[in-house]
Amino acid sequence: MRTAETADARMLLTPRQAAQALAISPRKLWGMTASGEIPYLKIGRLTRYSVDDIARWIESRRKPLSGEASK
């Protein structure tokens, strides 16, 4: 039986989880967070990353394929 506590059901990721999901180092993620390059939330003293925000951020950075640019 699955619960809302399983990793795939989480709406917010810890910095370690977000770095792992993005396949970057936690240090790189902190730099991107500090510069405002990637969306994040502050909950008290905690920094969290929305799965939906990260997905939108990735999509916004996607480059068109060479054949798609002319369409």
C-alpha atoms as a PDB file:
ATOM      1  CA  MET A   1       0.000   0.000   0.000  1.00  0.00           C
ATOM      2  CA  ARG A   2       1.318   3.420  -0.922  1.00  0.00           C
ATOM      3  CA  THR A   3       1.141   6.468   1.289  1.00  0.00           C
ATOM      4  CA  ALA A   4       1.550  10.176   0.680  1.00  0.00           C
ATOM      5  CA  GLU A   5       4.991   9.837   2.248  1.00  0.00           C
ATOM      6  CA  THR A   6       6.486   7.943  -0.693  1.00  0.00           C
ATOM      7  CA  ALA A   7       9.064   9.892  -2.676  1.00  0.00           C
ATOM      8  CA  ASP A   8       7.075   9.908  -5.933  1.00  0.00           C
ATOM      9  CA  ALA A   9       4.057  11.442  -4.182  1.00  0.00           C
ATOM     10  CA  ARG A  10       5.955  14.363  -2.643  1.00  0.00           C
ATOM     11  CA  MET A  11       5.126  17.843  -3.806  1.00  0.00           C
ATOM     12  CA  LEU A  12       8.245  19.425  -2.304  1.00  0.00           C
ATOM     13  CA  LEU A  13      11.803  18.175  -2.451  1.00  0.00           C
ATOM     14  CA  THR A  14      14.649  18.752  -0.034  1.00  0.00           C
ATOM     15  CA  PRO A  15      17.790  20.293  -1.520  1.00  0.00           C
ATOM     16  CA  ARG A  16      19.447  16.872  -1.613  1.00  0.00           C
ATOM     17  CA  GLN A  17      16.454  15.310  -3.396  1.00  0.00           C
ATOM     18  CA  ALA A  18      16.213  18.198  -5.870  1.00  0.00           C
ATOM     19  CA  ALA A  19      19.931  18.016  -6.691  1.00  0.00           C
ATOM     20  CA  GLN A  20      19.643  14.286  -7.218  1.00  0.00           C
ATOM     21  CA  ALA A  21      16.554  14.696  -9.429  1.00  0.00           C
ATOM     22  CA  LEU A  22      18.389  17.295 -11.545  1.00  0.00           C
ATOM     23  CA  ALA A  23      21.576  15.177 -11.653  1.00  0.00           C
ATOM     24  CA  ILE A  24      23.683  18.032 -10.275  1.00  0.00           C
ATOM     25  CA  SER A  25      25.685  18.442  -7.104  1.00  0.00           C
ATOM     26  CA  PRO A  26      24.094  19.976  -4.012  1.00  0.00           C
ATOM     27  CA  ARG A  27      26.743  22.722  -4.215  1.00  0.00           C
ATOM     28  CA  LYS A  28      25.638  23.609  -7.781  1.00  0.00           C
ATOM     29  CA  LEU A  29      21.996  23.663  -6.655  1.00  0.00           C
ATOM     30  CA  TRP A  30      22.821  26.028  -3.778  1.00  0.00           C
ATOM     31  CA  GLY A  31      24.570  28.352  -6.208  1.00  0.00           C
ATOM     32  CA  MET A  32      21.574  28.323  -8.550  1.00  0.00           C
ATOM     33  CA  THR A  33      19.265  28.947  -5.593  1.00  0.00           C
ATOM     34  CA  ALA A  34      21.352  31.837  -4.259  1.00  0.00           C
ATOM     35  CA  SER A  35      21.438  33.498  -7.684  1.00  0.00           C
ATOM     36  CA  GLY A  36      17.674  33.076  -8.186  1.00  0.00           C
ATOM     37  CA  GLU A  37      18.227  30.926 -11.275  1.00  0.00           C
ATOM     38  CA  ILE A  38      15.973  28.113 -10.054  1.00  0.00           C
ATOM     39  CA  PRO A  39      12.605  28.501  -8.272  1.00  0.00           C
ATOM     40  CA  TYR A  40      12.439  27.568  -4.604  1.00  0.00           C
ATOM     41  CA  LEU A  41      10.311  28.059  -1.503  1.00  0.00           C
ATOM     42  CA  LYS A  42      11.287  29.074   1.994  1.00  0.00           C
ATOM     43  CA  ILE A  43       9.286  27.461   4.763  1.00  0.00           C
ATOM     44  CA  GLY A  44      10.629  28.983   7.922  1.00  0.00           C
ATOM     45  CA  ARG A  45      14.344  28.249   7.726  1.00  0.00           C
ATOM     46  CA  LEU A  46      13.891  25.366   5.305  1.00  0.00           C
ATOM     47  CA  THR A  47      14.477  25.587   1.561  1.00  0.00           C
ATOM     48  CA  ARG A  48      12.281  23.352  -0.570  1.00  0.00           C
ATOM     49  CA  TYR A  49      11.802  22.834  -4.298  1.00  0.00           C
ATOM     50  CA  SER A  50       8.405  22.229  -5.891  1.00  0.00           C
ATOM     51  CA  VAL A  51       8.317  19.279  -8.280  1.00  0.00           C
ATOM     52  CA  ASP A  52       5.955  21.243 -10.554  1.00  0.00           C
ATOM     53  CA  ASP A  53       8.151  24.377 -10.471  1.00  0.00           C
ATOM     54  CA  ILE A  54      11.227  22.345 -11.357  1.00  0.00           C
ATOM     55  CA  ALA A  55       9.389  20.652 -14.248  1.00  0.00           C
ATOM     56  CA  ARG A  56       8.290  24.058 -15.601  1.00  0.00           C
ATOM     57  CA  TRP A  57      11.817  25.442 -15.138  1.00  0.00           C
ATOM     58  CA  ILE A  58      13.277  22.533 -17.108  1.00  0.00           C
ATOM     59  CA  GLU A  59      10.710  22.982 -19.889  1.00  0.00           C
ATOM     60  CA  SER A  60      11.426  26.728 -20.113  1.00  0.00           C
ATOM     61  CA  ARG A  61      15.123  26.014 -20.619  1.00  0.00           C
ATOM     62  CA  ARG A  62      14.619  23.356 -23.296  1.00  0.00           C
ATOM     63  CA  LYS A  63      16.171  24.305 -26.625  1.00  0.00           C
ATOM     64  CA  PRO A  64      14.181  23.529 -29.796  1.00  0.00           C
ATOM     65  CA  LEU A  65      15.530  20.832 -32.078  1.00  0.00           C
ATOM     66  CA  SER A  66      17.118  22.179 -35.244  1.00  0.00           C
ATOM     67  CA  GLY A  67      14.150  21.021 -37.367  1.00  0.00           C
ATOM     68  CA  GLU A  68      11.590  22.578 -35.017  1.00  0.00           C
ATOM     69  CA  ALA A  69      13.029  26.101 -35.198  1.00  0.00           C
ATOM     70  CA  SER A  70      11.875  26.592 -38.781  1.00  0.00           C
ATOM     71  CA  LYS A  71       8.252  25.575 -38.098  1.00  0.00           C
END
